[in-house]
Amino acid sequence: MNQLFGQSKSKCLHEIYDAEKVDELVSQKADTAHSSTEKKYGVGTTQEYGHVKLTTSTGMPTGDMSGVALAGTMGYTLLQLMQIPVNGIFWAVEGAFTESTLATKLGYGTWEKIIIAGIPDGMEAFFRTK
């Protein structure tokens, strides 16, 4: 039970705790550095802030994936993995490839950089000529 000294409860701005209560409250707080392999500090969701474990895996996930997020560095990697030529046109992040490096990356074809009206900022297109 909290003990109030020298004031009525209705006028007290701060509660005064005994040593046992202070120890109990402190024991419920997370350490400043509290990374863990367990989910005991609260898992982040799309609705709530919380802890997440970062992954750089591009494989099919297995098991419980709650609280696992894709590392920010994976954005570029995934973009490269998703770039599959459609009807002989290959879209790329501007400056990521030249005609020769694209052929090396894909392992086939001769490619020529082309200009397309309305192409999104930061993107460029290549056309397969052979």
N, C-alpha and C. Protein backbone atom coordinates (compact mmCIF):
# COMPACT_ATOMS: atom_id res chain seq x y z
N MET A 1 0.85 -1.18 0.00
CA MET A 1 0.00 0.00 0.00
C MET A 1 0.89 1.24 0.00
N ASN A 2 0.56 2.18 -0.86
CA ASN A 2 1.34 3.43 -0.91
C ASN A 2 1.09 4.24 0.35
N GLN A 3 2.12 4.87 0.84
CA GLN A 3 1.97 5.70 2.03
C GLN A 3 2.19 7.16 1.64
N LEU A 4 1.29 8.00 2.05
CA LEU A 4 1.42 9.44 1.79
C LEU A 4 1.76 10.12 3.10
N PHE A 5 2.76 10.97 3.06
CA PHE A 5 3.23 11.62 4.28
C PHE A 5 2.94 13.11 4.27
N GLY A 6 2.23 13.59 5.28
CA GLY A 6 2.06 15.01 5.50
C GLY A 6 1.05 15.72 4.63
N GLN A 7 0.34 15.02 3.72
CA GLN A 7 -0.66 15.68 2.89
C GLN A 7 -1.84 14.74 2.70
N SER A 8 -2.96 15.35 2.39
CA SER A 8 -4.10 14.50 2.09
C SER A 8 -3.91 13.94 0.67
N LYS A 9 -4.46 12.77 0.41
CA LYS A 9 -4.29 12.11 -0.88
C LYS A 9 -4.79 12.98 -2.03
N SER A 10 -5.86 13.71 -1.83
CA SER A 10 -6.42 14.52 -2.92
C SER A 10 -5.52 15.69 -3.31
N LYS A 11 -4.59 16.11 -2.43
CA LYS A 11 -3.73 17.24 -2.74
C LYS A 11 -2.30 16.83 -3.09
N CYS A 12 -2.00 15.57 -2.98
CA CYS A 12 -0.64 15.09 -3.25
C CYS A 12 -0.40 15.01 -4.75
N LEU A 13 0.69 15.61 -5.21
CA LEU A 13 1.03 15.59 -6.63
C LEU A 13 1.84 14.36 -7.00
N HIS A 14 2.52 13.77 -6.06
CA HIS A 14 3.35 12.60 -6.30
C HIS A 14 3.08 11.55 -5.24
N GLU A 15 3.07 10.31 -5.67
CA GLU A 15 2.92 9.24 -4.71
C GLU A 15 4.30 8.88 -4.17
N ILE A 16 4.35 8.50 -2.95
CA ILE A 16 5.60 8.08 -2.33
C ILE A 16 5.53 6.58 -2.12
N TYR A 17 6.53 5.87 -2.64
CA TYR A 17 6.55 4.42 -2.56
C TYR A 17 7.61 3.95 -1.58
N ASP A 18 7.35 2.80 -0.98
CA ASP A 18 8.39 2.20 -0.14
C ASP A 18 9.41 1.50 -1.05
N ALA A 19 10.51 1.06 -0.50
CA ALA A 19 11.61 0.47 -1.28
C ALA A 19 11.17 -0.76 -2.05
N GLU A 20 10.31 -1.58 -1.47
CA GLU A 20 9.84 -2.79 -2.16
C GLU A 20 9.04 -2.44 -3.42
N LYS A 21 8.19 -1.43 -3.31
CA LYS A 21 7.37 -1.02 -4.46
C LYS A 21 8.26 -0.43 -5.56
N VAL A 22 9.27 0.35 -5.18
CA VAL A 22 10.20 0.92 -6.16
C VAL A 22 10.92 -0.21 -6.88
N ASP A 23 11.42 -1.20 -6.15
CA ASP A 23 12.11 -2.33 -6.76
C ASP A 23 11.19 -3.08 -7.73
N GLU A 24 9.93 -3.25 -7.34
CA GLU A 24 8.97 -3.94 -8.18
C GLU A 24 8.75 -3.17 -9.49
N LEU A 25 8.55 -1.86 -9.40
CA LEU A 25 8.32 -1.05 -10.60
C LEU A 25 9.54 -1.02 -11.51
N VAL A 26 10.72 -0.90 -10.93
CA VAL A 26 11.96 -0.87 -11.72
C VAL A 26 12.18 -2.20 -12.42
N SER A 27 11.85 -3.30 -11.77
CA SER A 27 12.07 -4.63 -12.36
C SER A 27 11.19 -4.86 -13.58
N GLN A 28 10.12 -4.08 -13.73
CA GLN A 28 9.21 -4.23 -14.87
C GLN A 28 9.63 -3.40 -16.08
N LYS A 29 10.65 -2.58 -15.93
CA LYS A 29 11.12 -1.72 -17.01
C LYS A 29 12.17 -2.44 -17.83
N ALA A 30 12.21 -2.12 -19.14
CA ALA A 30 13.24 -2.69 -20.02
C ALA A 30 14.55 -1.94 -19.82
N ASP A 31 15.64 -2.68 -19.93
CA ASP A 31 16.96 -2.04 -19.90
C ASP A 31 17.08 -1.11 -21.09
N THR A 32 17.99 -0.13 -20.99
CA THR A 32 18.21 0.78 -22.12
C THR A 32 18.61 -0.02 -23.35
N ALA A 33 19.56 -0.91 -23.24
CA ALA A 33 19.94 -1.81 -24.32
C ALA A 33 19.27 -3.14 -24.03
N HIS A 34 18.23 -3.45 -24.79
CA HIS A 34 17.48 -4.65 -24.47
C HIS A 34 17.15 -5.50 -25.69
N SER A 35 18.13 -5.62 -26.59
CA SER A 35 17.91 -6.52 -27.72
C SER A 35 17.83 -7.94 -27.18
N SER A 36 17.08 -8.76 -27.86
CA SER A 36 16.83 -10.10 -27.36
C SER A 36 16.45 -11.03 -28.50
N THR A 37 16.68 -12.31 -28.33
CA THR A 37 16.21 -13.29 -29.31
C THR A 37 14.78 -13.70 -29.01
N GLU A 38 14.23 -13.23 -27.90
CA GLU A 38 12.86 -13.54 -27.51
C GLU A 38 11.95 -12.36 -27.84
N LYS A 39 10.65 -12.59 -27.80
CA LYS A 39 9.67 -11.54 -28.11
C LYS A 39 9.08 -10.91 -26.85
N LYS A 40 9.85 -10.87 -25.76
CA LYS A 40 9.30 -10.44 -24.48
C LYS A 40 9.09 -8.94 -24.35
N TYR A 41 9.62 -8.12 -25.24
CA TYR A 41 9.47 -6.67 -25.11
C TYR A 41 8.41 -6.08 -26.04
N GLY A 42 7.63 -6.90 -26.70
CA GLY A 42 6.55 -6.40 -27.55
C GLY A 42 6.93 -6.38 -29.02
N VAL A 43 6.14 -7.04 -29.83
CA VAL A 43 6.40 -7.18 -31.25
C VAL A 43 5.73 -6.04 -32.01
N GLY A 44 6.47 -5.43 -32.94
CA GLY A 44 5.90 -4.40 -33.80
C GLY A 44 4.94 -5.01 -34.81
N THR A 45 3.89 -4.28 -35.13
CA THR A 45 2.91 -4.72 -36.13
C THR A 45 2.69 -3.59 -37.12
N THR A 46 1.80 -3.79 -38.07
CA THR A 46 1.46 -2.71 -39.00
C THR A 46 0.64 -1.63 -38.30
N GLN A 47 0.12 -1.94 -37.11
CA GLN A 47 -0.70 -0.99 -36.37
C GLN A 47 0.02 -0.36 -35.18
N GLU A 48 1.00 -1.07 -34.62
CA GLU A 48 1.64 -0.59 -33.39
C GLU A 48 3.17 -0.60 -33.51
N TYR A 49 3.80 0.40 -32.91
CA TYR A 49 5.25 0.41 -32.82
C TYR A 49 5.68 -0.70 -31.88
N GLY A 50 6.85 -1.24 -32.12
CA GLY A 50 7.37 -2.30 -31.27
C GLY A 50 8.68 -2.80 -31.82
N HIS A 51 9.10 -3.92 -31.32
CA HIS A 51 10.37 -4.50 -31.73
C HIS A 51 10.19 -5.39 -32.95
N VAL A 52 11.16 -5.36 -33.84
CA VAL A 52 11.19 -6.27 -34.98
C VAL A 52 12.59 -6.82 -35.13
N LYS A 53 12.67 -8.00 -35.71
CA LYS A 53 13.94 -8.60 -36.06
C LYS A 53 14.10 -8.37 -37.56
N LEU A 54 15.27 -7.87 -37.98
CA LEU A 54 15.50 -7.59 -39.39
C LEU A 54 16.03 -8.83 -40.10
N THR A 55 15.61 -9.00 -41.34
CA THR A 55 16.10 -10.11 -42.15
C THR A 55 16.55 -9.59 -43.51
N THR A 56 17.50 -10.27 -44.08
CA THR A 56 17.95 -9.97 -45.45
C THR A 56 17.65 -11.15 -46.37
N SER A 57 16.83 -12.08 -45.89
CA SER A 57 16.50 -13.26 -46.67
C SER A 57 15.49 -12.92 -47.76
N THR A 58 15.69 -13.47 -48.94
CA THR A 58 14.72 -13.31 -50.02
C THR A 58 14.00 -14.62 -50.28
N GLY A 59 14.26 -15.62 -49.45
CA GLY A 59 13.61 -16.92 -49.62
C GLY A 59 12.21 -16.93 -49.06
N MET A 60 11.49 -18.00 -49.34
CA MET A 60 10.13 -18.17 -48.83
C MET A 60 10.18 -18.30 -47.31
N PRO A 61 9.44 -17.44 -46.58
CA PRO A 61 9.48 -17.52 -45.12
C PRO A 61 8.80 -18.79 -44.61
N THR A 62 9.28 -19.27 -43.48
CA THR A 62 8.67 -20.42 -42.83
C THR A 62 8.48 -20.09 -41.36
N GLY A 63 7.53 -20.74 -40.74
CA GLY A 63 7.30 -20.55 -39.31
C GLY A 63 6.64 -19.22 -39.00
N ASP A 64 6.71 -18.84 -37.74
CA ASP A 64 6.08 -17.61 -37.26
C ASP A 64 6.92 -16.41 -37.70
N MET A 65 6.39 -15.58 -38.56
CA MET A 65 7.12 -14.41 -39.06
C MET A 65 6.65 -13.12 -38.39
N SER A 66 5.82 -13.21 -37.36
CA SER A 66 5.40 -11.99 -36.67
C SER A 66 6.61 -11.33 -36.05
N GLY A 67 6.71 -10.04 -36.22
CA GLY A 67 7.84 -9.30 -35.66
C GLY A 67 9.10 -9.36 -36.50
N VAL A 68 9.01 -9.87 -37.72
CA VAL A 68 10.18 -9.91 -38.62
C VAL A 68 9.94 -8.91 -39.74
N ALA A 69 10.94 -8.06 -39.98
CA ALA A 69 10.82 -7.04 -41.02
C ALA A 69 12.01 -7.13 -41.97
N LEU A 70 11.79 -6.73 -43.20
CA LEU A 70 12.84 -6.73 -44.20
C LEU A 70 13.77 -5.56 -43.96
N ALA A 71 15.06 -5.82 -43.92
CA ALA A 71 16.05 -4.76 -43.70
C ALA A 71 15.97 -3.74 -44.83
N GLY A 72 16.17 -2.48 -44.51
CA GLY A 72 16.08 -1.41 -45.50
C GLY A 72 17.04 -1.59 -46.67
N THR A 73 18.16 -2.22 -46.44
CA THR A 73 19.13 -2.43 -47.52
C THR A 73 18.62 -3.40 -48.57
N MET A 74 17.53 -4.09 -48.29
CA MET A 74 17.02 -5.09 -49.23
C MET A 74 16.19 -4.48 -50.35
N GLY A 75 15.83 -3.22 -50.25
CA GLY A 75 15.03 -2.59 -51.30
C GLY A 75 15.70 -2.68 -52.65
N TYR A 76 16.96 -2.31 -52.72
CA TYR A 76 17.69 -2.35 -53.99
C TYR A 76 17.85 -3.80 -54.47
N THR A 77 18.15 -4.71 -53.55
CA THR A 77 18.32 -6.12 -53.90
C THR A 77 17.04 -6.68 -54.51
N LEU A 78 15.91 -6.40 -53.88
CA LEU A 78 14.63 -6.90 -54.40
C LEU A 78 14.29 -6.29 -55.74
N LEU A 79 14.60 -5.02 -55.92
CA LEU A 79 14.35 -4.38 -57.20
C LEU A 79 15.12 -5.09 -58.30
N GLN A 80 16.36 -5.43 -58.03
CA GLN A 80 17.16 -6.13 -59.02
C GLN A 80 16.60 -7.53 -59.30
N LEU A 81 16.14 -8.21 -58.27
CA LEU A 81 15.59 -9.56 -58.45
C LEU A 81 14.29 -9.54 -59.24
N MET A 82 13.52 -8.46 -59.11
CA MET A 82 12.21 -8.39 -59.78
C MET A 82 12.32 -7.96 -61.23
N GLN A 83 13.45 -7.48 -61.66
CA GLN A 83 13.56 -6.94 -63.01
C GLN A 83 13.70 -8.06 -64.04
N ILE A 84 12.61 -8.43 -64.60
CA ILE A 84 12.58 -9.44 -65.66
C ILE A 84 12.09 -8.74 -66.92
N PRO A 85 12.81 -8.88 -68.02
CA PRO A 85 12.38 -8.21 -69.25
C PRO A 85 10.99 -8.66 -69.68
N VAL A 86 10.15 -7.70 -70.05
CA VAL A 86 8.81 -7.97 -70.54
C VAL A 86 8.75 -7.48 -71.98
N ASN A 87 8.41 -8.37 -72.90
CA ASN A 87 8.33 -8.01 -74.32
C ASN A 87 9.59 -7.31 -74.82
N GLY A 88 10.74 -7.77 -74.34
CA GLY A 88 12.01 -7.22 -74.83
C GLY A 88 12.40 -5.90 -74.22
N ILE A 89 11.63 -5.39 -73.23
CA ILE A 89 11.98 -4.12 -72.57
C ILE A 89 12.33 -4.43 -71.12
N PHE A 90 13.46 -3.88 -70.69
CA PHE A 90 13.94 -4.07 -69.32
C PHE A 90 13.96 -2.72 -68.63
N TRP A 91 13.24 -2.61 -67.51
CA TRP A 91 13.20 -1.37 -66.73
C TRP A 91 14.26 -1.44 -65.64
N ALA A 92 14.93 -0.35 -65.38
CA ALA A 92 15.98 -0.34 -64.36
C ALA A 92 16.02 1.00 -63.66
N VAL A 93 16.59 1.00 -62.46
CA VAL A 93 16.85 2.25 -61.75
C VAL A 93 17.89 3.01 -62.56
N GLU A 94 17.65 4.29 -62.73
CA GLU A 94 18.53 5.13 -63.54
C GLU A 94 19.98 5.00 -63.08
N GLY A 95 20.87 4.73 -64.03
CA GLY A 95 22.29 4.63 -63.74
C GLY A 95 22.75 3.29 -63.20
N ALA A 96 21.83 2.35 -63.00
CA ALA A 96 22.20 1.05 -62.43
C ALA A 96 22.94 0.18 -63.44
N PHE A 97 22.64 0.36 -64.73
CA PHE A 97 23.23 -0.48 -65.77
C PHE A 97 23.65 0.34 -66.98
N THR A 98 24.56 -0.24 -67.73
CA THR A 98 24.85 0.22 -69.09
C THR A 98 24.42 -0.93 -70.00
N GLU A 99 24.47 -0.71 -71.30
CA GLU A 99 24.09 -1.78 -72.22
C GLU A 99 24.91 -3.05 -71.96
N SER A 100 26.21 -2.91 -71.74
CA SER A 100 27.06 -4.09 -71.56
C SER A 100 26.87 -4.74 -70.18
N THR A 101 26.72 -3.93 -69.14
CA THR A 101 26.55 -4.54 -67.81
C THR A 101 25.19 -5.22 -67.68
N LEU A 102 24.19 -4.75 -68.42
CA LEU A 102 22.88 -5.39 -68.41
C LEU A 102 22.95 -6.77 -69.04
N ALA A 103 23.65 -6.90 -70.16
CA ALA A 103 23.81 -8.20 -70.81
C ALA A 103 24.52 -9.17 -69.87
N THR A 104 25.51 -8.67 -69.15
CA THR A 104 26.23 -9.51 -68.19
C THR A 104 25.31 -9.93 -67.05
N LYS A 105 24.53 -8.99 -66.53
CA LYS A 105 23.62 -9.27 -65.42
C LYS A 105 22.58 -10.33 -65.81
N LEU A 106 21.98 -10.17 -66.98
CA LEU A 106 20.93 -11.10 -67.41
C LEU A 106 21.50 -12.38 -68.00
N GLY A 107 22.73 -12.30 -68.49
CA GLY A 107 23.36 -13.48 -69.07
C GLY A 107 22.96 -13.76 -70.51
N TYR A 108 22.30 -12.82 -71.17
CA TYR A 108 21.94 -13.01 -72.58
C TYR A 108 21.58 -11.68 -73.21
N GLY A 109 21.55 -11.68 -74.52
CA GLY A 109 21.02 -10.54 -75.28
C GLY A 109 21.97 -9.38 -75.47
N THR A 110 21.60 -8.57 -76.46
CA THR A 110 22.25 -7.29 -76.71
C THR A 110 21.19 -6.24 -76.41
N TRP A 111 21.54 -5.25 -75.60
CA TRP A 111 20.57 -4.28 -75.11
C TRP A 111 20.96 -2.87 -75.51
N GLU A 112 19.96 -2.05 -75.80
CA GLU A 112 20.17 -0.65 -76.14
C GLU A 112 19.27 0.21 -75.27
N LYS A 113 19.87 1.24 -74.68
CA LYS A 113 19.09 2.16 -73.85
C LYS A 113 18.15 2.96 -74.75
N ILE A 114 16.88 3.08 -74.36
CA ILE A 114 15.89 3.79 -75.16
C ILE A 114 15.21 4.87 -74.33
N ILE A 115 14.65 5.84 -75.00
CA ILE A 115 13.89 6.92 -74.37
C ILE A 115 12.41 6.62 -74.56
N ILE A 116 11.67 6.62 -73.49
CA ILE A 116 10.22 6.39 -73.55
C ILE A 116 9.54 7.58 -72.89
N ALA A 117 8.58 8.17 -73.60
CA ALA A 117 7.84 9.30 -73.04
C ALA A 117 7.06 8.85 -71.80
N GLY A 118 7.10 9.66 -70.77
CA GLY A 118 6.33 9.38 -69.57
C GLY A 118 6.99 8.40 -68.62
N ILE A 119 8.25 8.08 -68.86
CA ILE A 119 8.94 7.15 -67.95
C ILE A 119 9.06 7.80 -66.57
N PRO A 120 8.81 7.05 -65.51
CA PRO A 120 8.88 7.63 -64.16
C PRO A 120 10.28 8.16 -63.85
N ASP A 121 10.35 9.24 -63.06
CA ASP A 121 11.63 9.79 -62.64
C ASP A 121 12.47 8.71 -61.97
N GLY A 122 13.75 8.70 -62.27
CA GLY A 122 14.66 7.76 -61.65
C GLY A 122 14.69 6.39 -62.30
N MET A 123 13.96 6.22 -63.39
CA MET A 123 13.94 4.94 -64.10
C MET A 123 14.46 5.13 -65.52
N GLU A 124 14.94 4.04 -66.12
CA GLU A 124 15.31 4.06 -67.52
C GLU A 124 14.95 2.71 -68.12
N ALA A 125 14.92 2.66 -69.45
CA ALA A 125 14.51 1.43 -70.14
C ALA A 125 15.56 1.01 -71.15
N PHE A 126 15.65 -0.31 -71.34
CA PHE A 126 16.55 -0.89 -72.33
C PHE A 126 15.72 -1.80 -73.22
N PHE A 127 16.05 -1.84 -74.51
CA PHE A 127 15.35 -2.67 -75.49
C PHE A 127 16.30 -3.75 -75.98
N ARG A 128 15.81 -4.99 -76.05
CA ARG A 128 16.65 -6.09 -76.52
C ARG A 128 16.68 -6.06 -78.04
N THR A 129 17.88 -5.91 -78.59
CA THR A 129 18.03 -5.84 -80.05
C THR A 129 18.43 -7.19 -80.63
N LYS A 130 19.01 -8.08 -79.85
CA LYS A 130 19.39 -9.42 -80.32
C LYS A 130 19.17 -10.42 -79.20
